């Protein structure tokens, strides 16, 4: 018997608590790398991670046996632990409880990937795609 087949592409977005400026340039690459690693560990191949100081975007393939809420819990936990214990141990990052989650087709990946990877540019110059920025 063959295995199940699934292509579930998901775009997640969530903010820091009270939109505090936590994801600063000095830690951003480390946080993104930890998120990429966590996605791989939980069987959700990452496609893109992008952020600015107060929020984060992740484009990934979600495995069918993992809910969106479980994915967010795993990734938020890993990233906040890294920041609070290694990158900024004298401060306490908290993520907002809410998150946005959007499904897309394989055809939509290039557009969303470009958007996720170019967060700084989109927020400084525009255009912002409001449907991709909803986290609460």
Protein backbone atom coordinates (compact mmCIF):
# COMPACT_ATOMS: atom_id res chain seq x y z
CA UNK A 1 0.00 0.00 0.00
CA UNK A 2 1.21 3.50 -0.82
CA UNK A 3 1.58 6.39 1.55
CA UNK A 4 -0.83 9.26 1.87
CA UNK A 5 -0.05 12.25 -0.30
CA UNK A 6 -0.57 15.84 0.75
CA UNK A 7 0.49 19.29 -0.39
CA UNK A 8 -0.63 21.70 2.32
CA UNK A 9 1.02 25.10 2.01
CA UNK A 10 0.44 27.50 4.87
CA UNK A 11 1.42 31.10 5.57
CA UNK A 12 1.55 32.00 9.26
CA UNK A 13 1.90 35.45 10.78
CA UNK A 14 2.04 36.49 14.42
CA UNK A 15 3.14 39.47 16.45
CA UNK A 16 5.16 40.14 19.53
CA UNK A 17 3.20 40.98 22.67
CA UNK A 18 1.91 44.55 22.37
CA UNK A 19 3.87 44.78 19.12
CA UNK A 20 7.11 45.32 21.00
CA UNK A 21 10.24 45.65 18.81
CA UNK A 22 11.84 42.29 19.73
CA UNK A 23 13.00 40.92 16.40
CA UNK A 24 15.88 43.30 15.96
CA UNK A 25 18.53 43.10 13.27
CA UNK A 26 21.14 41.71 15.70
CA UNK A 27 19.13 38.55 16.44
CA UNK A 28 16.93 38.17 13.36
CA UNK A 29 19.14 35.71 11.45
CA UNK A 30 19.55 33.47 14.51
CA UNK A 31 15.81 33.45 15.17
CA UNK A 32 15.03 32.66 11.52
CA UNK A 33 17.60 29.83 11.52
CA UNK A 34 16.10 28.33 14.69
CA UNK A 35 12.62 28.48 13.15
CA UNK A 36 13.86 26.80 9.96
CA UNK A 37 15.44 24.04 12.05
CA UNK A 38 12.31 23.56 14.17
CA UNK A 39 10.11 23.33 11.07
CA UNK A 40 12.36 20.60 9.71
CA UNK A 41 12.38 18.75 13.05
CA UNK A 42 8.58 18.63 13.18
CA UNK A 43 8.27 17.50 9.56
CA UNK A 44 7.06 20.78 8.06
CA UNK A 45 9.50 21.78 5.33
CA UNK A 46 10.06 25.54 5.61
CA UNK A 47 9.87 27.63 2.47
CA UNK A 48 10.49 31.13 3.85
CA UNK A 49 10.77 33.02 7.13
CA UNK A 50 10.68 36.80 7.30
CA UNK A 51 10.15 39.40 9.96
CA UNK A 52 10.42 42.96 11.07
CA UNK A 53 10.78 44.06 14.68
CA UNK A 54 7.21 43.41 15.78
CA UNK A 55 5.98 40.45 13.76
CA UNK A 56 6.97 37.28 11.96
CA UNK A 57 5.88 35.47 8.78
CA UNK A 58 6.48 31.80 7.99
CA UNK A 59 5.65 30.02 4.76
CA UNK A 60 5.81 26.26 5.16
CA UNK A 61 4.40 22.97 4.06
CA UNK A 62 2.29 21.59 6.89
CA UNK A 63 2.20 17.85 7.46
CA UNK A 64 -1.38 16.55 7.62
CA UNK A 65 -1.08 15.14 11.13
CA UNK A 66 -0.11 18.48 12.69
CA UNK A 67 -2.67 21.21 13.32
CA UNK A 68 -1.93 24.86 12.68
CA UNK A 69 -2.23 25.55 16.43
CA UNK A 70 0.27 22.81 17.28
CA UNK A 71 2.69 24.16 14.67
CA UNK A 72 2.48 27.67 16.12
CA UNK A 73 2.93 26.39 19.68
CA UNK A 74 6.09 24.49 18.69
CA UNK A 75 7.65 27.35 16.74
CA UNK A 76 6.71 30.09 19.21
CA UNK A 77 8.15 27.99 22.03
CA UNK A 78 11.44 27.36 20.26
CA UNK A 79 11.92 30.96 19.18
CA UNK A 80 10.99 32.54 22.52
CA UNK A 81 13.23 30.07 24.39
CA UNK A 82 16.17 30.98 22.13
CA UNK A 83 15.63 34.71 22.57
CA UNK A 84 14.96 34.58 26.34
CA UNK A 85 17.77 32.17 27.23
CA UNK A 86 20.52 32.80 24.68
CA UNK A 87 20.10 35.92 22.59
CA UNK A 88 18.60 38.40 25.09
CA UNK A 89 18.69 36.64 28.47
CA UNK A 90 18.07 39.82 30.47
CA UNK A 91 14.78 40.47 28.69
CA UNK A 92 11.58 38.48 28.26
CA UNK A 93 9.99 38.07 24.83
CA UNK A 94 6.33 37.22 24.76
CA UNK A 95 4.41 36.43 21.61
CA UNK A 96 0.84 37.61 21.14
CA UNK A 97 -1.59 34.74 21.81
CA UNK A 98 -3.29 35.12 18.44
CA UNK A 99 -1.96 34.31 14.99
CA UNK A 100 -3.02 34.45 11.37
CA UNK A 101 -2.97 31.37 9.16
CA UNK A 102 -3.63 31.31 5.44
CA UNK A 103 -3.69 28.37 3.05
CA UNK A 104 -2.44 28.68 -0.50
CA UNK A 105 -1.93 26.60 -3.58
CA UNK A 106 1.45 25.60 -4.96
CA UNK A 107 0.93 28.22 -7.66
CA UNK A 108 0.73 30.96 -4.99
CA UNK A 109 4.06 30.08 -3.36
CA UNK A 110 6.33 32.43 -5.38
CA UNK A 111 4.22 35.52 -4.59
CA UNK A 112 3.88 34.75 -0.89
CA UNK A 113 7.53 33.67 -0.58
CA UNK A 114 8.68 36.97 -2.09
CA UNK A 115 6.40 38.84 0.28
CA UNK A 116 7.67 36.95 3.35
CA UNK A 117 11.33 37.39 2.42
CA UNK A 118 10.98 41.11 1.74
CA UNK A 119 9.24 42.26 4.90
CA UNK A 120 11.51 45.25 5.51
CA UNK A 121 10.98 46.57 1.98
CA UNK A 122 7.21 46.06 2.08
CA UNK A 123 6.85 47.87 5.38
CA UNK A 124 9.11 50.75 4.39
CA UNK A 125 8.06 51.23 0.77
CA UNK A 126 4.88 49.22 0.27
CA UNK A 127 2.81 47.71 -0.97
CA UNK A 128 1.51 45.86 2.04
CA UNK A 129 -0.89 43.06 1.26
CA UNK A 130 -3.36 43.45 4.10
CA UNK A 131 -4.66 39.91 3.64
CA UNK A 132 -1.13 38.62 4.41
CA UNK A 133 -0.58 40.83 7.45
CA UNK A 134 -3.54 39.84 9.60
CA UNK A 135 -2.27 38.36 12.83
CA UNK A 136 -5.08 39.36 15.15
